[in-house]
PDB file of all heavy atoms in Angstrom:
ATOM      1  N   TYR A   1      41.624 207.298  43.979  1.00  0.00           N
ATOM      2  CA  TYR A   1      43.011 207.294  44.411  1.00  0.00           C
ATOM      3  C   TYR A   1      43.667 206.021  43.912  1.00  0.00           C
ATOM      4  O   TYR A   1      43.345 204.932  44.397  1.00  0.00           O
ATOM      5  CB  TYR A   1      43.123 207.361  45.938  1.00  0.00           C
ATOM      6  CG  TYR A   1      42.712 208.686  46.524  1.00  0.00           C
ATOM      7  CD1 TYR A   1      41.640 208.765  47.395  1.00  0.00           C
ATOM      8  CD2 TYR A   1      43.406 209.854  46.212  1.00  0.00           C
ATOM      9  CE1 TYR A   1      41.255 209.972  47.943  1.00  0.00           C
ATOM     10  CE2 TYR A   1      43.027 211.069  46.738  1.00  0.00           C
ATOM     11  CZ  TYR A   1      41.950 211.121  47.609  1.00  0.00           C
ATOM     12  OH  TYR A   1      41.572 212.322  48.135  1.00  0.00           O
ATOM     13  N   PRO A   2      44.570 206.130  42.917  1.00  0.00           N
ATOM     14  CA  PRO A   2      45.239 204.929  42.401  1.00  0.00           C
ATOM     15  C   PRO A   2      45.922 204.163  43.538  1.00  0.00           C
ATOM     16  O   PRO A   2      46.451 204.738  44.476  1.00  0.00           O
ATOM     17  CB  PRO A   2      46.271 205.489  41.422  1.00  0.00           C
ATOM     18  CG  PRO A   2      45.692 206.811  41.000  1.00  0.00           C
ATOM     19  CD  PRO A   2      45.011 207.349  42.228  1.00  0.00           C
ATOM     20  N   GLY A   3      45.872 202.874  43.436  1.00  0.00           N
ATOM     21  CA  GLY A   3      46.443 202.026  44.469  1.00  0.00           C
ATOM     22  C   GLY A   3      45.399 201.684  45.521  1.00  0.00           C
ATOM     23  O   GLY A   3      45.095 200.516  45.747  1.00  0.00           O
ATOM     24  N   MET A   4      44.840 202.683  46.149  1.00  0.00           N
ATOM     25  CA  MET A   4      43.811 202.452  47.153  1.00  0.00           C
ATOM     26  C   MET A   4      42.562 201.857  46.505  1.00  0.00           C
ATOM     27  O   MET A   4      41.965 200.912  47.041  1.00  0.00           O
ATOM     28  CB  MET A   4      43.444 203.754  47.855  1.00  0.00           C
ATOM     29  CG  MET A   4      42.399 203.574  48.936  1.00  0.00           C
ATOM     30  SD  MET A   4      42.020 205.127  49.779  1.00  0.00           S
ATOM     31  CE  MET A   4      40.565 205.613  48.881  1.00  0.00           C
ATOM     32  N   THR A   5      42.174 202.374  45.359  1.00  0.00           N
ATOM     33  CA  THR A   5      40.965 201.899  44.685  1.00  0.00           C
ATOM     34  C   THR A   5      41.126 200.450  44.240  1.00  0.00           C
ATOM     35  O   THR A   5      40.248 199.618  44.497  1.00  0.00           O
ATOM     36  CB  THR A   5      40.637 202.797  43.475  1.00  0.00           C
ATOM     37  OG1 THR A   5      40.490 204.143  43.937  1.00  0.00           O
ATOM     38  CG2 THR A   5      39.372 202.351  42.791  1.00  0.00           C
ATOM     39  N   GLU A   6      42.227 200.133  43.603  1.00  0.00           N
ATOM     40  CA  GLU A   6      42.454 198.757  43.154  1.00  0.00           C
ATOM     41  C   GLU A   6      42.462 197.781  44.337  1.00  0.00           C
ATOM     42  O   GLU A   6      41.869 196.695  44.254  1.00  0.00           O
ATOM     43  CB  GLU A   6      43.771 198.650  42.376  1.00  0.00           C
ATOM     44  CG  GLU A   6      43.756 199.325  41.028  1.00  0.00           C
ATOM     45  CD  GLU A   6      44.057 200.824  41.074  1.00  0.00           C
ATOM     46  OE1 GLU A   6      44.170 201.395  42.183  1.00  0.00           O
ATOM     47  OE2 GLU A   6      44.175 201.433  40.003  1.00  0.00           O
ATOM     48  N   ALA A   7      43.096 198.178  45.435  1.00  0.00           N
ATOM     49  CA  ALA A   7      43.145 197.312  46.617  1.00  0.00           C
ATOM     50  C   ALA A   7      41.739 197.072  47.170  1.00  0.00           C
ATOM     51  O   ALA A   7      41.394 195.943  47.536  1.00  0.00           O
ATOM     52  CB  ALA A   7      44.040 197.924  47.693  1.00  0.00           C
ATOM     53  N   ALA A   8      40.926 198.114  47.213  1.00  0.00           N
ATOM     54  CA  ALA A   8      39.555 197.972  47.714  1.00  0.00           C
ATOM     55  C   ALA A   8      38.728 197.070  46.805  1.00  0.00           C
ATOM     56  O   ALA A   8      37.967 196.220  47.285  1.00  0.00           O
ATOM     57  CB  ALA A   8      38.898 199.342  47.852  1.00  0.00           C
ATOM     58  N   LEU A   9      38.872 197.214  45.490  1.00  0.00           N
ATOM     59  CA  LEU A   9      38.118 196.383  44.554  1.00  0.00           C
ATOM     60  C   LEU A   9      38.576 194.924  44.623  1.00  0.00           C
ATOM     61  O   LEU A   9      37.750 194.008  44.538  1.00  0.00           O
ATOM     62  CB  LEU A   9      38.231 196.913  43.133  1.00  0.00           C
ATOM     63  CG  LEU A   9      37.669 198.318  42.878  1.00  0.00           C
ATOM     64  CD1 LEU A   9      37.714 198.650  41.399  1.00  0.00           C
ATOM     65  CD2 LEU A   9      36.285 198.487  43.438  1.00  0.00           C
ATOM     66  N   HIS A  10      39.868 194.707  44.789  1.00  0.00           N
ATOM     67  CA  HIS A  10      40.371 193.336  44.964  1.00  0.00           C
ATOM     68  C   HIS A  10      39.778 192.704  46.220  1.00  0.00           C
ATOM     69  O   HIS A  10      39.404 191.525  46.207  1.00  0.00           O
ATOM     70  CB  HIS A  10      41.902 193.318  45.041  1.00  0.00           C
ATOM     71  CG  HIS A  10      42.583 193.230  43.722  1.00  0.00           C
ATOM     72  ND1 HIS A  10      42.667 192.072  42.999  1.00  0.00           N
ATOM     73  CD2 HIS A  10      43.215 194.184  42.985  1.00  0.00           C
ATOM     74  CE1 HIS A  10      43.312 192.302  41.873  1.00  0.00           C
ATOM     75  NE2 HIS A  10      43.651 193.572  41.839  1.00  0.00           N
ATOM     76  N   ASP A  11      39.695 193.483  47.292  1.00  0.00           N
ATOM     77  CA  ASP A  11      39.133 192.967  48.541  1.00  0.00           C
ATOM     78  C   ASP A  11      37.664 192.592  48.363  1.00  0.00           C
ATOM     79  O   ASP A  11      37.237 191.508  48.786  1.00  0.00           O
ATOM     80  CB  ASP A  11      39.288 194.006  49.651  1.00  0.00           C
ATOM     81  CG  ASP A  11      38.768 193.494  50.972  1.00  0.00           C
ATOM     82  OD1 ASP A  11      39.210 192.420  51.420  1.00  0.00           O
ATOM     83  OD2 ASP A  11      37.901 194.168  51.565  1.00  0.00           O
ATOM     84  N   ILE A  12      36.890 193.461  47.725  1.00  0.00           N
ATOM     85  CA  ILE A  12      35.467 193.195  47.490  1.00  0.00           C
ATOM     86  C   ILE A  12      35.308 191.945  46.613  1.00  0.00           C
ATOM     87  O   ILE A  12      34.489 191.071  46.894  1.00  0.00           O
ATOM     88  CB  ILE A  12      34.786 194.418  46.853  1.00  0.00           C
ATOM     89  CG1 ILE A  12      34.747 195.578  47.843  1.00  0.00           C
ATOM     90  CG2 ILE A  12      33.370 194.072  46.372  1.00  0.00           C
ATOM     91  CD1 ILE A  12      34.390 196.927  47.219  1.00  0.00           C
ATOM     92  N   ALA A  13      36.101 191.850  45.545  1.00  0.00           N
ATOM     93  CA  ALA A  13      36.013 190.696  44.644  1.00  0.00           C
ATOM     94  C   ALA A  13      36.438 189.410  45.360  1.00  0.00           C
ATOM     95  O   ALA A  13      35.829 188.352  45.164  1.00  0.00           O
ATOM     96  CB  ALA A  13      36.857 190.924  43.395  1.00  0.00           C
ATOM     97  N   SER A  14      37.460 189.483  46.209  1.00  0.00           N
ATOM     98  CA  SER A  14      37.895 188.298  46.963  1.00  0.00           C
ATOM     99  C   SER A  14      36.803 187.830  47.915  1.00  0.00           C
ATOM    100  O   SER A  14      36.588 186.626  48.076  1.00  0.00           O
ATOM    101  CB  SER A  14      39.170 188.609  47.753  1.00  0.00           C
ATOM    102  OG  SER A  14      40.243 188.826  46.878  1.00  0.00           O
ATOM    103  N   GLN A  15      36.110 188.774  48.543  1.00  0.00           N
ATOM    104  CA  GLN A  15      35.000 188.405  49.418  1.00  0.00           C
ATOM    105  C   GLN A  15      33.906 187.686  48.626  1.00  0.00           C
ATOM    106  O   GLN A  15      33.354 186.682  49.086  1.00  0.00           O
ATOM    107  CB  GLN A  15      34.417 189.646  50.085  1.00  0.00           C
ATOM    108  CG  GLN A  15      35.303 190.270  51.126  1.00  0.00           C
ATOM    109  CD  GLN A  15      34.675 191.528  51.700  1.00  0.00           C
ATOM    110  OE1 GLN A  15      33.506 191.540  52.055  1.00  0.00           O
ATOM    111  NE2 GLN A  15      35.468 192.586  51.784  1.00  0.00           N
ATOM    112  N   ALA A  16      33.578 188.204  47.445  1.00  0.00           N
ATOM    113  CA  ALA A  16      32.551 187.572  46.607  1.00  0.00           C
ATOM    114  C   ALA A  16      32.979 186.169  46.188  1.00  0.00           C
ATOM    115  O   ALA A  16      32.172 185.234  46.213  1.00  0.00           O
ATOM    116  CB  ALA A  16      32.262 188.427  45.374  1.00  0.00           C
ATOM    117  N   MET A  17      34.246 186.024  45.813  1.00  0.00           N
ATOM    118  CA  MET A  17      34.754 184.711  45.388  1.00  0.00           C
ATOM    119  C   MET A  17      34.558 183.674  46.498  1.00  0.00           C
ATOM    120  O   MET A  17      34.072 182.573  46.251  1.00  0.00           O
ATOM    121  CB  MET A  17      36.248 184.797  45.037  1.00  0.00           C
ATOM    122  CG  MET A  17      36.587 185.641  43.830  1.00  0.00           C
ATOM    123  SD  MET A  17      36.418 184.794  42.274  1.00  0.00           S
ATOM    124  CE  MET A  17      37.659 183.531  42.399  1.00  0.00           C
ATOM    125  N   ALA A  18      34.919 184.032  47.710  1.00  0.00           N
ATOM    126  CA  ALA A  18      34.832 183.102  48.828  1.00  0.00           C
ATOM    127  C   ALA A  18      33.392 182.853  49.259  1.00  0.00           C
ATOM    128  O   ALA A  18      32.992 181.715  49.492  1.00  0.00           O
ATOM    129  CB  ALA A  18      35.647 183.630  50.009  1.00  0.00           C
ATOM    130  N   ARG A  19      32.634 183.900  49.354  1.00  0.00           N
ATOM    131  CA  ARG A  19      31.273 183.797  49.879  1.00  0.00           C
ATOM    132  C   ARG A  19      30.344 182.993  48.978  1.00  0.00           C
ATOM    133  O   ARG A  19      29.463 182.291  49.451  1.00  0.00           O
ATOM    134  CB  ARG A  19      30.722 185.196  50.095  1.00  0.00           C
ATOM    135  CG  ARG A  19      29.378 185.211  50.725  1.00  0.00           C
ATOM    136  CD  ARG A  19      28.979 186.598  51.130  1.00  0.00           C
ATOM    137  NE  ARG A  19      27.746 186.523  51.867  1.00  0.00           N
ATOM    138  CZ  ARG A  19      27.324 187.439  52.682  1.00  0.00           C
ATOM    139  NH1 ARG A  19      28.043 188.515  52.899  1.00  0.00           N
ATOM    140  NH2 ARG A  19      26.181 187.306  53.304  1.00  0.00           N
ATOM    141  N   PHE A  20      30.523 183.103  47.661  1.00  0.00           N
ATOM    142  CA  PHE A  20      29.591 182.486  46.720  1.00  0.00           C
ATOM    143  C   PHE A  20      30.222 181.351  45.907  1.00  0.00           C
ATOM    144  O   PHE A  20      29.683 180.951  44.891  1.00  0.00           O
ATOM    145  CB  PHE A  20      28.990 183.553  45.796  1.00  0.00           C
ATOM    146  CG  PHE A  20      28.282 184.614  46.577  1.00  0.00           C
ATOM    147  CD1 PHE A  20      28.886 185.839  46.814  1.00  0.00           C
ATOM    148  CD2 PHE A  20      27.037 184.374  47.124  1.00  0.00           C
ATOM    149  CE1 PHE A  20      28.245 186.817  47.562  1.00  0.00           C
ATOM    150  CE2 PHE A  20      26.387 185.333  47.876  1.00  0.00           C
ATOM    151  CZ  PHE A  20      26.994 186.563  48.095  1.00  0.00           C
ATOM    152  N   SER A  21      31.363 180.860  46.344  1.00  0.00           N
ATOM    153  CA  SER A  21      32.043 179.757  45.657  1.00  0.00           C
ATOM    154  C   SER A  21      32.215 180.036  44.174  1.00  0.00           C
ATOM    155  O   SER A  21      31.964 179.178  43.323  1.00  0.00           O
ATOM    156  CB  SER A  21      31.268 178.441  45.860  1.00  0.00           C
ATOM    157  OG  SER A  21      31.165 178.137  47.226  1.00  0.00           O
ATOM    158  N   LEU A  22      32.627 181.259  43.866  1.00  0.00           N
ATOM    159  CA  LEU A  22      32.832 181.629  42.466  1.00  0.00           C
ATOM    160  C   LEU A  22      34.112 181.000  41.943  1.00  0.00           C
ATOM    161  O   LEU A  22      35.117 180.905  42.649  1.00  0.00           O
ATOM    162  CB  LEU A  22      32.912 183.156  42.320  1.00  0.00           C
ATOM    163  CG  LEU A  22      31.693 183.941  42.770  1.00  0.00           C
ATOM    164  CD1 LEU A  22      31.932 185.442  42.592  1.00  0.00           C
ATOM    165  CD2 LEU A  22      30.436 183.512  42.019  1.00  0.00           C
ATOM    166  N   GLY A  23      34.071 180.593  40.693  1.00  0.00           N
ATOM    167  CA  GLY A  23      35.267 180.101  40.028  1.00  0.00           C
ATOM    168  C   GLY A  23      36.115 181.235  39.493  1.00  0.00           C
ATOM    169  O   GLY A  23      37.323 181.086  39.327  1.00  0.00           O
ATOM    170  N   ASP A  24      35.479 182.381  39.250  1.00  0.00           N
ATOM    171  CA  ASP A  24      36.201 183.537  38.728  1.00  0.00           C
ATOM    172  C   ASP A  24      35.330 184.770  38.877  1.00  0.00           C
ATOM    173  O   ASP A  24      34.098 184.670  39.000  1.00  0.00           O
ATOM    174  CB  ASP A  24      36.558 183.332  37.253  1.00  0.00           C
ATOM    175  CG  ASP A  24      37.737 184.185  36.796  1.00  0.00           C
ATOM    176  OD1 ASP A  24      38.266 184.979  37.607  1.00  0.00           O
ATOM    177  OD2 ASP A  24      38.130 184.058  35.624  1.00  0.00           O
ATOM    178  N   ALA A  25      35.972 185.925  38.867  1.00  0.00           N
ATOM    179  CA  ALA A  25      35.260 187.202  38.910  1.00  0.00           C
ATOM    180  C   ALA A  25      36.071 188.236  38.133  1.00  0.00           C
ATOM    181  O   ALA A  25      37.304 188.161  38.081  1.00  0.00           O
ATOM    182  CB  ALA A  25      35.045 187.676  40.347  1.00  0.00           C
ATOM    183  N   LEU A  26      35.351 189.162  37.548  1.00  0.00           N
ATOM    184  CA  LEU A  26      35.954 190.266  36.792  1.00  0.00           C
ATOM    185  C   LEU A  26      35.271 191.551  37.226  1.00  0.00           C
ATOM    186  O   LEU A  26      34.040 191.604  37.311  1.00  0.00           O
ATOM    187  CB  LEU A  26      35.742 190.051  35.291  1.00  0.00           C
ATOM    188  CG  LEU A  26      36.042 191.232  34.360  1.00  0.00           C
ATOM    189  CD1 LEU A  26      37.531 191.562  34.370  1.00  0.00           C
ATOM    190  CD2 LEU A  26      35.556 190.926  32.945  1.00  0.00           C
ATOM    191  N   VAL A  27      36.074 192.569  37.495  1.00  0.00           N
ATOM    192  CA  VAL A  27      35.554 193.909  37.795  1.00  0.00           C
ATOM    193  C   VAL A  27      36.335 194.896  36.947  1.00  0.00           C
ATOM    194  O   VAL A  27      37.562 194.945  37.018  1.00  0.00           O
ATOM    195  CB  VAL A  27      35.709 194.280  39.290  1.00  0.00           C
ATOM    196  CG1 VAL A  27      35.220 195.704  39.542  1.00  0.00           C
ATOM    197  CG2 VAL A  27      34.979 193.293  40.185  1.00  0.00           C
ATOM    198  N   ILE A  28      35.620 195.662  36.134  1.00  0.00           N
ATOM    199  CA  ILE A  28      36.217 196.756  35.372  1.00  0.00           C
ATOM    200  C   ILE A  28      35.471 198.021  35.764  1.00  0.00           C
ATOM    201  O   ILE A  28      34.231 198.046  35.739  1.00  0.00           O
ATOM    202  CB  ILE A  28      36.089 196.542  33.848  1.00  0.00           C
ATOM    203  CG1 ILE A  28      36.787 195.256  33.422  1.00  0.00           C
ATOM    204  CG2 ILE A  28      36.653 197.756  33.086  1.00  0.00           C
ATOM    205  CD1 ILE A  28      36.552 194.887  31.956  1.00  0.00           C
ATOM    206  N   HIS A  29      36.201 199.054  36.132  1.00  0.00           N
ATOM    207  CA  HIS A  29      35.566 200.334  36.466  1.00  0.00           C
ATOM    208  C   HIS A  29      36.391 201.452  35.843  1.00  0.00           C
ATOM    209  O   HIS A  29      37.610 201.484  35.975  1.00  0.00           O
ATOM    210  CB  HIS A  29      35.488 200.529  37.977  1.00  0.00           C
ATOM    211  CG  HIS A  29      34.406 201.480  38.392  1.00  0.00           C
ATOM    212  ND1 HIS A  29      34.387 202.810  38.024  1.00  0.00           N
ATOM    213  CD2 HIS A  29      33.306 201.281  39.136  1.00  0.00           C
ATOM    214  CE1 HIS A  29      33.313 203.385  38.534  1.00  0.00           C
ATOM    215  NE2 HIS A  29      32.629 202.473  39.216  1.00  0.00           N
ATOM    216  N   ARG A  30      35.700 202.338  35.163  1.00  0.00           N
ATOM    217  CA  ARG A  30      36.383 203.453  34.512  1.00  0.00           C
ATOM    218  C   ARG A  30      36.418 204.676  35.411  1.00  0.00           C
ATOM    219  O   ARG A  30      35.641 204.819  36.343  1.00  0.00           O
ATOM    220  CB  ARG A  30      35.679 203.797  33.197  1.00  0.00           C
ATOM    221  CG  ARG A  30      35.811 202.665  32.184  1.00  0.00           C
ATOM    222  CD  ARG A  30      35.154 202.986  30.878  1.00  0.00           C
ATOM    223  NE  ARG A  30      35.768 204.178  30.283  1.00  0.00           N
ATOM    224  CZ  ARG A  30      35.169 204.930  29.370  1.00  0.00           C
ATOM    225  NH1 ARG A  30      33.954 204.623  28.936  1.00  0.00           N
ATOM    226  NH2 ARG A  30      35.777 205.981  28.865  1.00  0.00           N
ATOM    227  N   TYR A  31      37.318 205.582  35.081  1.00  0.00           N
ATOM    228  CA  TYR A  31      37.386 206.884  35.735  1.00  0.00           C
ATOM    229  C   TYR A  31      37.646 207.926  34.655  1.00  0.00           C
ATOM    230  O   TYR A  31      37.878 207.590  33.484  1.00  0.00           O
ATOM    231  CB  TYR A  31      38.463 206.911  36.828  1.00  0.00           C
ATOM    232  CG  TYR A  31      39.871 206.747  36.303  1.00  0.00           C
ATOM    233  CD1 TYR A  31      40.641 207.850  35.940  1.00  0.00           C
ATOM    234  CD2 TYR A  31      40.435 205.484  36.160  1.00  0.00           C
ATOM    235  CE1 TYR A  31      41.923 207.693  35.447  1.00  0.00           C
ATOM    236  CE2 TYR A  31      41.714 205.316  35.674  1.00  0.00           C
ATOM    237  CZ  TYR A  31      42.455 206.430  35.320  1.00  0.00           C
ATOM    238  OH  TYR A  31      43.724 206.266  34.828  1.00  0.00           O
ATOM    239  N   GLY A  32      37.579 209.186  35.031  1.00  0.00           N
ATOM    240  CA  GLY A  32      37.765 210.273  34.079  1.00  0.00           C
ATOM    241  C   GLY A  32      36.421 210.860  33.686  1.00  0.00           C
ATOM    242  O   GLY A  32      35.428 210.723  34.394  1.00  0.00           O
ATOM    243  N   ARG A  33      36.391 211.503  32.544  1.00  0.00           N
ATOM    244  CA  ARG A  33      35.188 212.173  32.052  1.00  0.00           C
ATOM    245  C   ARG A  33      34.436 211.238  31.106  1.00  0.00           C
ATOM    246  O   ARG A  33      34.990 210.816  30.094  1.00  0.00           O
ATOM    247  CB  ARG A  33      35.573 213.472  31.347  1.00  0.00           C
ATOM    248  CG  ARG A  33      34.402 214.340  30.970  1.00  0.00           C
ATOM    249  CD  ARG A  33      34.901 215.644  30.337  1.00  0.00           C
ATOM    250  NE  ARG A  33      33.813 216.481  29.927  1.00  0.00           N
ATOM    251  CZ  ARG A  33      33.325 217.486  30.632  1.00  0.00           C
ATOM    252  NH1 ARG A  33      33.849 217.782  31.805  1.00  0.00           N
ATOM    253  NH2 ARG A  33      32.316 218.211  30.175  1.00  0.00           N
ATOM    254  N   LEU A  34      33.179 210.939  31.435  1.00  0.00           N
ATOM    255  CA  LEU A  34      32.355 210.041  30.632  1.00  0.00           C
ATOM    256  C   LEU A  34      31.056 210.738  30.248  1.00  0.00           C
ATOM    257  O   LEU A  34      30.475 211.460  31.058  1.00  0.00           O
ATOM    258  CB  LEU A  34      32.032 208.760  31.415  1.00  0.00           C
ATOM    259  CG  LEU A  34      33.202 207.797  31.607  1.00  0.00           C
ATOM    260  CD1 LEU A  34      34.015 208.160  32.823  1.00  0.00           C
ATOM    261  CD2 LEU A  34      32.670 206.404  31.756  1.00  0.00           C
ATOM    262  N   ALA A  35      30.603 210.493  29.034  1.00  0.00           N
ATOM    263  CA  ALA A  35      29.370 211.084  28.521  1.00  0.00           C
ATOM    264  C   ALA A  35      28.194 210.131  28.769  1.00  0.00           C
ATOM    265  O   ALA A  35      28.385 208.921  28.922  1.00  0.00           O
ATOM    266  CB  ALA A  35      29.507 211.355  27.024  1.00  0.00           C
ATOM    267  N   PRO A  36      26.979 210.668  28.785  1.00  0.00           N
ATOM    268  CA  PRO A  36      25.809 209.785  28.902  1.00  0.00           C
ATOM    269  C   PRO A  36      25.838 208.712  27.809  1.00  0.00           C
ATOM    270  O   PRO A  36      26.190 208.984  26.662  1.00  0.00           O
ATOM    271  CB  PRO A  36      24.626 210.731  28.707  1.00  0.00           C
ATOM    272  CG  PRO A  36      25.148 212.063  29.146  1.00  0.00           C
ATOM    273  CD  PRO A  36      26.593 212.079  28.712  1.00  0.00           C
TER     274      PRO A  36
END
């Protein structure tokens, strides 16, 4: 669900940033039809 998914991933990444004193984080996730 566009919007909801990005917000959830931002929340997860923000938690990781704070919890592990990260200087930066990147999350890329694809959707659609993907082949092996």
